[in-house]
């Protein structure tokens, strides 16, 4: 699983919550696109919507253009559900988890999106 969030504390919390999964945490959409374009393989992406520079919706749009199958295995998260970027995200088919969310809810969504037979590597 790839987590994209500019707050290192969020990334560390998700690493602890998903100890049974292989998780890569990156701090920006630009870093995520660079890594994905270089061949990083992930089953699910969990991205914050509101990030400095490019936002989570920009990552989704890049995925639609370059890795459409992966764009269908993306989740957004936000602590600002009324922010203009969150409203923009609501126009996509991507499910949005509102912070704070439980690890159980996030894990259920991740497992729902993960390809069959790969749920331990999400």
N, C-alpha and C. Protein backbone atom coordinates (compact mmCIF):
# COMPACT_ATOMS: atom_id res chain seq x y z
N UNK A 1 0.84 -1.17 0.00
CA UNK A 1 0.00 0.00 0.00
C UNK A 1 0.89 1.24 0.00
N UNK A 2 0.44 2.25 -0.71
CA UNK A 2 1.12 3.54 -0.71
C UNK A 2 0.27 4.53 0.05
N UNK A 3 0.88 5.20 1.02
CA UNK A 3 0.23 6.28 1.76
C UNK A 3 0.91 7.58 1.35
N UNK A 4 0.10 8.58 0.97
CA UNK A 4 0.64 9.89 0.60
C UNK A 4 0.02 10.92 1.55
N UNK A 5 0.86 11.45 2.42
CA UNK A 5 0.41 12.45 3.39
C UNK A 5 1.60 13.29 3.79
N UNK A 6 1.42 14.60 3.84
CA UNK A 6 2.53 15.50 4.16
C UNK A 6 2.80 15.60 5.65
N UNK A 7 1.98 14.98 6.47
CA UNK A 7 2.19 14.99 7.92
C UNK A 7 2.86 13.68 8.34
N UNK A 8 4.15 13.72 8.67
CA UNK A 8 4.86 12.48 9.03
C UNK A 8 4.17 11.70 10.16
N UNK A 9 3.53 12.39 11.09
CA UNK A 9 2.85 11.71 12.19
C UNK A 9 1.72 10.81 11.67
N UNK A 10 1.01 11.26 10.65
CA UNK A 10 -0.07 10.45 10.07
C UNK A 10 0.54 9.19 9.44
N UNK A 11 1.62 9.37 8.69
CA UNK A 11 2.28 8.22 8.08
C UNK A 11 2.74 7.21 9.10
N UNK A 12 3.35 7.69 10.19
CA UNK A 12 3.81 6.78 11.25
C UNK A 12 2.63 6.06 11.90
N UNK A 13 1.55 6.77 12.12
CA UNK A 13 0.36 6.15 12.72
C UNK A 13 -0.19 5.05 11.82
N UNK A 14 -0.23 5.30 10.52
CA UNK A 14 -0.75 4.30 9.60
C UNK A 14 0.20 3.11 9.50
N UNK A 15 1.50 3.36 9.57
CA UNK A 15 2.45 2.24 9.58
C UNK A 15 2.20 1.34 10.78
N UNK A 16 1.96 1.94 11.95
CA UNK A 16 1.68 1.16 13.15
C UNK A 16 0.34 0.44 13.05
N UNK A 17 -0.65 1.08 12.45
CA UNK A 17 -1.99 0.49 12.35
C UNK A 17 -2.02 -0.69 11.39
N UNK A 18 -1.18 -0.64 10.37
CA UNK A 18 -1.20 -1.66 9.33
C UNK A 18 0.07 -2.48 9.34
N UNK A 19 0.44 -2.98 10.50
CA UNK A 19 1.71 -3.70 10.64
C UNK A 19 1.76 -4.97 9.79
N UNK A 20 0.62 -5.52 9.43
CA UNK A 20 0.60 -6.74 8.63
C UNK A 20 0.67 -6.46 7.13
N UNK A 21 0.72 -5.20 6.74
CA UNK A 21 0.78 -4.82 5.33
C UNK A 21 2.13 -4.22 4.99
N UNK A 22 2.52 -4.35 3.74
CA UNK A 22 3.69 -3.63 3.26
C UNK A 22 3.24 -2.22 2.91
N UNK A 23 3.76 -1.23 3.63
CA UNK A 23 3.32 0.15 3.45
C UNK A 23 4.50 1.03 3.12
N UNK A 24 4.34 1.83 2.06
CA UNK A 24 5.31 2.87 1.70
C UNK A 24 4.63 4.20 1.99
N UNK A 25 5.31 5.08 2.71
CA UNK A 25 4.77 6.39 3.02
C UNK A 25 5.59 7.45 2.28
N UNK A 26 4.91 8.30 1.53
CA UNK A 26 5.57 9.41 0.84
C UNK A 26 4.87 10.71 1.24
N UNK A 27 5.61 11.80 1.21
CA UNK A 27 5.12 13.06 1.76
C UNK A 27 4.48 13.99 0.74
N UNK A 28 4.51 13.62 -0.55
CA UNK A 28 3.94 14.51 -1.56
C UNK A 28 3.44 13.72 -2.77
N UNK A 29 2.54 14.34 -3.50
CA UNK A 29 2.04 13.75 -4.74
C UNK A 29 3.18 13.65 -5.74
N UNK A 30 4.03 14.67 -5.77
CA UNK A 30 5.15 14.64 -6.71
C UNK A 30 6.05 13.43 -6.46
N UNK A 31 6.34 13.14 -5.20
CA UNK A 31 7.16 11.97 -4.86
C UNK A 31 6.43 10.68 -5.23
N UNK A 32 5.13 10.64 -5.02
CA UNK A 32 4.36 9.45 -5.36
C UNK A 32 4.38 9.20 -6.86
N UNK A 33 4.15 10.24 -7.65
CA UNK A 33 4.18 10.09 -9.11
C UNK A 33 5.55 9.65 -9.57
N UNK A 34 6.59 10.24 -9.00
CA UNK A 34 7.96 9.87 -9.37
C UNK A 34 8.20 8.38 -9.09
N UNK A 35 7.80 7.93 -7.91
CA UNK A 35 8.02 6.52 -7.54
C UNK A 35 7.16 5.58 -8.37
N UNK A 36 5.91 5.92 -8.60
CA UNK A 36 5.03 5.08 -9.41
C UNK A 36 5.52 5.02 -10.86
N UNK A 37 5.95 6.15 -11.37
CA UNK A 37 6.47 6.21 -12.74
C UNK A 37 7.76 5.41 -12.88
N UNK A 38 8.52 5.30 -11.78
CA UNK A 38 9.78 4.54 -11.79
C UNK A 38 9.55 3.05 -11.56
N UNK A 39 8.29 2.65 -11.35
CA UNK A 39 8.01 1.22 -11.23
C UNK A 39 7.58 0.74 -9.87
N UNK A 40 7.38 1.63 -8.90
CA UNK A 40 6.87 1.20 -7.60
C UNK A 40 5.55 0.48 -7.80
N UNK A 41 5.46 -0.74 -7.29
CA UNK A 41 4.23 -1.52 -7.41
C UNK A 41 3.48 -1.50 -6.09
N UNK A 42 2.24 -1.09 -6.14
CA UNK A 42 1.37 -1.09 -4.97
C UNK A 42 0.01 -1.61 -5.38
N UNK A 43 -0.72 -2.10 -4.40
CA UNK A 43 -2.06 -2.60 -4.66
C UNK A 43 -3.13 -1.55 -4.38
N UNK A 44 -2.88 -0.68 -3.40
CA UNK A 44 -3.86 0.32 -2.98
C UNK A 44 -3.12 1.60 -2.64
N UNK A 45 -3.74 2.74 -2.93
CA UNK A 45 -3.18 4.04 -2.56
C UNK A 45 -4.16 4.74 -1.63
N UNK A 46 -3.66 5.23 -0.51
CA UNK A 46 -4.41 6.05 0.44
C UNK A 46 -3.74 7.41 0.46
N UNK A 47 -4.43 8.42 -0.08
CA UNK A 47 -3.83 9.74 -0.21
C UNK A 47 -4.66 10.81 0.48
N UNK A 48 -3.96 11.68 1.18
CA UNK A 48 -4.61 12.88 1.70
C UNK A 48 -5.06 13.70 0.50
N UNK A 49 -6.11 14.46 0.67
CA UNK A 49 -6.59 15.32 -0.42
C UNK A 49 -5.80 16.62 -0.44
N UNK A 50 -5.72 17.27 0.72
CA UNK A 50 -5.09 18.59 0.81
C UNK A 50 -3.61 18.45 1.13
N UNK A 51 -2.80 18.65 0.12
CA UNK A 51 -1.35 18.55 0.25
C UNK A 51 -0.72 19.79 -0.35
N UNK A 52 0.46 20.18 0.12
CA UNK A 52 1.16 21.29 -0.54
C UNK A 52 1.54 20.88 -1.96
N UNK A 53 1.53 21.81 -2.87
CA UNK A 53 1.85 21.47 -4.26
C UNK A 53 0.65 20.78 -4.88
N UNK A 54 0.90 19.66 -5.52
CA UNK A 54 -0.19 18.92 -6.13
C UNK A 54 -1.02 18.23 -5.04
N UNK A 55 -2.31 18.10 -5.29
CA UNK A 55 -3.20 17.52 -4.28
C UNK A 55 -3.55 16.07 -4.64
N UNK A 56 -4.27 15.43 -3.74
CA UNK A 56 -4.65 14.04 -3.95
C UNK A 56 -5.45 13.83 -5.23
N UNK A 57 -6.27 14.81 -5.60
CA UNK A 57 -7.04 14.69 -6.84
C UNK A 57 -6.10 14.71 -8.04
N UNK A 58 -5.03 15.49 -7.96
CA UNK A 58 -4.03 15.49 -9.04
C UNK A 58 -3.41 14.11 -9.20
N UNK A 59 -3.15 13.44 -8.08
CA UNK A 59 -2.61 12.09 -8.14
C UNK A 59 -3.62 11.15 -8.80
N UNK A 60 -4.87 11.26 -8.41
CA UNK A 60 -5.92 10.43 -9.02
C UNK A 60 -5.96 10.66 -10.53
N UNK A 61 -5.95 11.92 -10.95
CA UNK A 61 -6.01 12.23 -12.39
C UNK A 61 -4.79 11.69 -13.13
N UNK A 62 -3.62 11.73 -12.48
CA UNK A 62 -2.42 11.15 -13.09
C UNK A 62 -2.59 9.65 -13.25
N UNK A 63 -3.13 9.01 -12.22
CA UNK A 63 -3.36 7.57 -12.29
C UNK A 63 -4.34 7.21 -13.41
N UNK A 64 -5.42 7.97 -13.56
CA UNK A 64 -6.39 7.71 -14.62
C UNK A 64 -5.69 7.74 -15.97
N UNK A 65 -4.77 8.68 -16.16
CA UNK A 65 -4.07 8.82 -17.44
C UNK A 65 -2.96 7.79 -17.63
N UNK A 66 -2.28 7.38 -16.54
CA UNK A 66 -1.08 6.55 -16.68
C UNK A 66 -1.21 5.13 -16.14
N UNK A 67 -2.03 4.94 -15.12
CA UNK A 67 -2.22 3.62 -14.51
C UNK A 67 -3.69 3.47 -14.12
N UNK A 68 -4.56 3.40 -15.13
CA UNK A 68 -6.00 3.43 -14.84
C UNK A 68 -6.49 2.32 -13.90
N UNK A 69 -5.91 1.15 -13.95
CA UNK A 69 -6.35 0.08 -13.04
C UNK A 69 -6.08 0.47 -11.59
N UNK A 70 -4.96 1.13 -11.35
CA UNK A 70 -4.62 1.55 -9.99
C UNK A 70 -5.50 2.71 -9.53
N UNK A 71 -5.97 3.53 -10.46
CA UNK A 71 -6.86 4.64 -10.09
C UNK A 71 -8.15 4.11 -9.45
N UNK A 72 -8.51 2.87 -9.77
CA UNK A 72 -9.71 2.26 -9.21
C UNK A 72 -9.46 1.68 -7.82
N UNK A 73 -8.19 1.71 -7.38
CA UNK A 73 -7.84 1.15 -6.07
C UNK A 73 -7.23 2.25 -5.19
N UNK A 74 -7.88 3.39 -5.21
CA UNK A 74 -7.41 4.55 -4.46
C UNK A 74 -8.46 4.98 -3.45
N UNK A 75 -7.98 5.45 -2.31
CA UNK A 75 -8.82 6.04 -1.27
C UNK A 75 -8.28 7.43 -0.96
N UNK A 76 -9.17 8.35 -0.69
CA UNK A 76 -8.77 9.66 -0.20
C UNK A 76 -9.00 9.70 1.30
N UNK A 77 -8.26 10.58 1.96
CA UNK A 77 -8.53 10.90 3.37
C UNK A 77 -8.43 12.41 3.51
N UNK A 78 -9.21 12.95 4.43
CA UNK A 78 -9.17 14.39 4.65
C UNK A 78 -9.61 14.73 6.06
N UNK A 79 -9.02 15.76 6.59
CA UNK A 79 -9.46 16.32 7.86
C UNK A 79 -10.25 17.59 7.64
N UNK A 80 -10.42 17.97 6.37
CA UNK A 80 -11.13 19.21 6.01
C UNK A 80 -12.18 18.91 4.96
N UNK A 81 -13.29 18.27 5.36
CA UNK A 81 -14.27 17.82 4.37
C UNK A 81 -14.96 18.92 3.57
N UNK A 82 -14.89 20.18 4.05
CA UNK A 82 -15.53 21.27 3.31
C UNK A 82 -14.53 22.11 2.54
N UNK A 83 -13.26 21.75 2.59
CA UNK A 83 -12.22 22.46 1.83
C UNK A 83 -12.54 22.34 0.33
N UNK A 84 -12.25 23.38 -0.46
CA UNK A 84 -12.51 23.29 -1.91
C UNK A 84 -11.89 22.06 -2.58
N UNK A 85 -10.70 21.64 -2.14
CA UNK A 85 -10.10 20.45 -2.73
C UNK A 85 -10.90 19.19 -2.37
N UNK A 86 -11.45 19.15 -1.17
CA UNK A 86 -12.29 18.00 -0.78
C UNK A 86 -13.57 17.99 -1.61
N UNK A 87 -14.11 19.16 -1.87
CA UNK A 87 -15.30 19.23 -2.72
C UNK A 87 -14.96 18.78 -4.13
N UNK A 88 -13.78 19.13 -4.62
CA UNK A 88 -13.31 18.66 -5.93
C UNK A 88 -13.17 17.14 -5.92
N UNK A 89 -12.65 16.59 -4.83
CA UNK A 89 -12.46 15.14 -4.72
C UNK A 89 -13.80 14.41 -4.75
N UNK A 90 -14.84 15.03 -4.22
CA UNK A 90 -16.16 14.39 -4.20
C UNK A 90 -16.73 14.20 -5.60
N UNK A 91 -16.16 14.88 -6.60
CA UNK A 91 -16.62 14.71 -7.98
C UNK A 91 -15.94 13.52 -8.66
N UNK A 92 -15.07 12.82 -7.93
CA UNK A 92 -14.42 11.62 -8.46
C UNK A 92 -15.14 10.40 -7.86
N UNK A 93 -14.88 9.21 -8.40
CA UNK A 93 -15.49 8.01 -7.81
C UNK A 93 -14.74 7.48 -6.58
N UNK A 94 -13.72 8.18 -6.14
CA UNK A 94 -12.86 7.71 -5.05
C UNK A 94 -13.55 7.92 -3.70
N UNK A 95 -13.57 6.88 -2.88
CA UNK A 95 -14.15 6.96 -1.53
C UNK A 95 -13.27 7.84 -0.66
N UNK A 96 -13.90 8.64 0.22
CA UNK A 96 -13.19 9.56 1.10
C UNK A 96 -13.37 9.13 2.55
N UNK A 97 -12.26 8.93 3.24
CA UNK A 97 -12.26 8.67 4.68
C UNK A 97 -12.02 10.00 5.38
N UNK A 98 -12.91 10.37 6.28
CA UNK A 98 -12.74 11.62 7.01
C UNK A 98 -11.97 11.37 8.29
N UNK A 99 -10.88 12.15 8.48
CA UNK A 99 -10.06 12.05 9.69
C UNK A 99 -10.83 12.68 10.85
N UNK A 100 -10.75 12.11 12.01
CA UNK A 100 -10.05 10.86 12.32
C UNK A 100 -10.94 9.67 11.94
N UNK A 101 -10.33 8.65 11.40
CA UNK A 101 -11.05 7.43 11.07
C UNK A 101 -10.40 6.28 11.81
N UNK A 102 -11.16 5.23 11.99
CA UNK A 102 -10.62 4.08 12.72
C UNK A 102 -9.76 3.24 11.80
N UNK A 103 -8.79 2.58 12.39
CA UNK A 103 -7.94 1.66 11.63
C UNK A 103 -8.79 0.55 11.04
N UNK A 104 -9.82 0.12 11.75
CA UNK A 104 -10.70 -0.95 11.27
C UNK A 104 -11.42 -0.54 9.99
N UNK A 105 -11.96 0.69 9.97
CA UNK A 105 -12.65 1.19 8.79
C UNK A 105 -11.68 1.27 7.61
N UNK A 106 -10.51 1.86 7.85
CA UNK A 106 -9.52 2.00 6.78
C UNK A 106 -9.10 0.63 6.26
N UNK A 107 -8.85 -0.31 7.16
CA UNK A 107 -8.42 -1.64 6.74
C UNK A 107 -9.51 -2.33 5.92
N UNK A 108 -10.76 -2.18 6.33
CA UNK A 108 -11.87 -2.77 5.56
C UNK A 108 -11.92 -2.20 4.15
N UNK A 109 -11.72 -0.90 4.02
CA UNK A 109 -11.72 -0.26 2.70
C UNK A 109 -10.53 -0.72 1.87
N UNK A 110 -9.38 -0.82 2.50
CA UNK A 110 -8.17 -1.27 1.81
C UNK A 110 -8.35 -2.70 1.30
N UNK A 111 -8.87 -3.57 2.13
CA UNK A 111 -9.08 -4.97 1.73
C UNK A 111 -10.13 -5.08 0.63
N UNK A 112 -11.11 -4.20 0.65
CA UNK A 112 -12.14 -4.19 -0.40
C UNK A 112 -11.51 -3.84 -1.75
N UNK A 113 -10.53 -2.95 -1.74
CA UNK A 113 -9.90 -2.49 -2.99
C UNK A 113 -8.74 -3.38 -3.44
N UNK A 114 -8.10 -4.07 -2.51
CA UNK A 114 -6.91 -4.86 -2.86
C UNK A 114 -7.28 -6.00 -3.80
N UNK A 115 -6.43 -6.26 -4.80
CA UNK A 115 -6.69 -7.38 -5.69
C UNK A 115 -6.79 -8.69 -4.90
N UNK A 116 -7.66 -9.58 -5.33
CA UNK A 116 -7.83 -10.86 -4.66
C UNK A 116 -6.50 -11.60 -4.57
N UNK A 117 -6.26 -12.21 -3.41
CA UNK A 117 -5.04 -12.99 -3.23
C UNK A 117 -3.82 -12.16 -2.87
N UNK A 118 -3.99 -10.83 -2.77
CA UNK A 118 -2.85 -9.97 -2.44
C UNK A 118 -3.13 -9.12 -1.22
N UNK A 119 -4.10 -9.50 -0.42
CA UNK A 119 -4.53 -8.65 0.69
C UNK A 119 -3.46 -8.45 1.75
N UNK A 120 -2.44 -9.32 1.82
CA UNK A 120 -1.40 -9.09 2.84
C UNK A 120 -0.31 -8.14 2.36
N UNK A 121 -0.33 -7.77 1.09
CA UNK A 121 0.71 -6.87 0.60
C UNK A 121 0.17 -5.51 0.24
N UNK A 122 -1.14 -5.35 0.34
CA UNK A 122 -1.81 -4.11 -0.08
C UNK A 122 -0.85 -2.97 -0.13
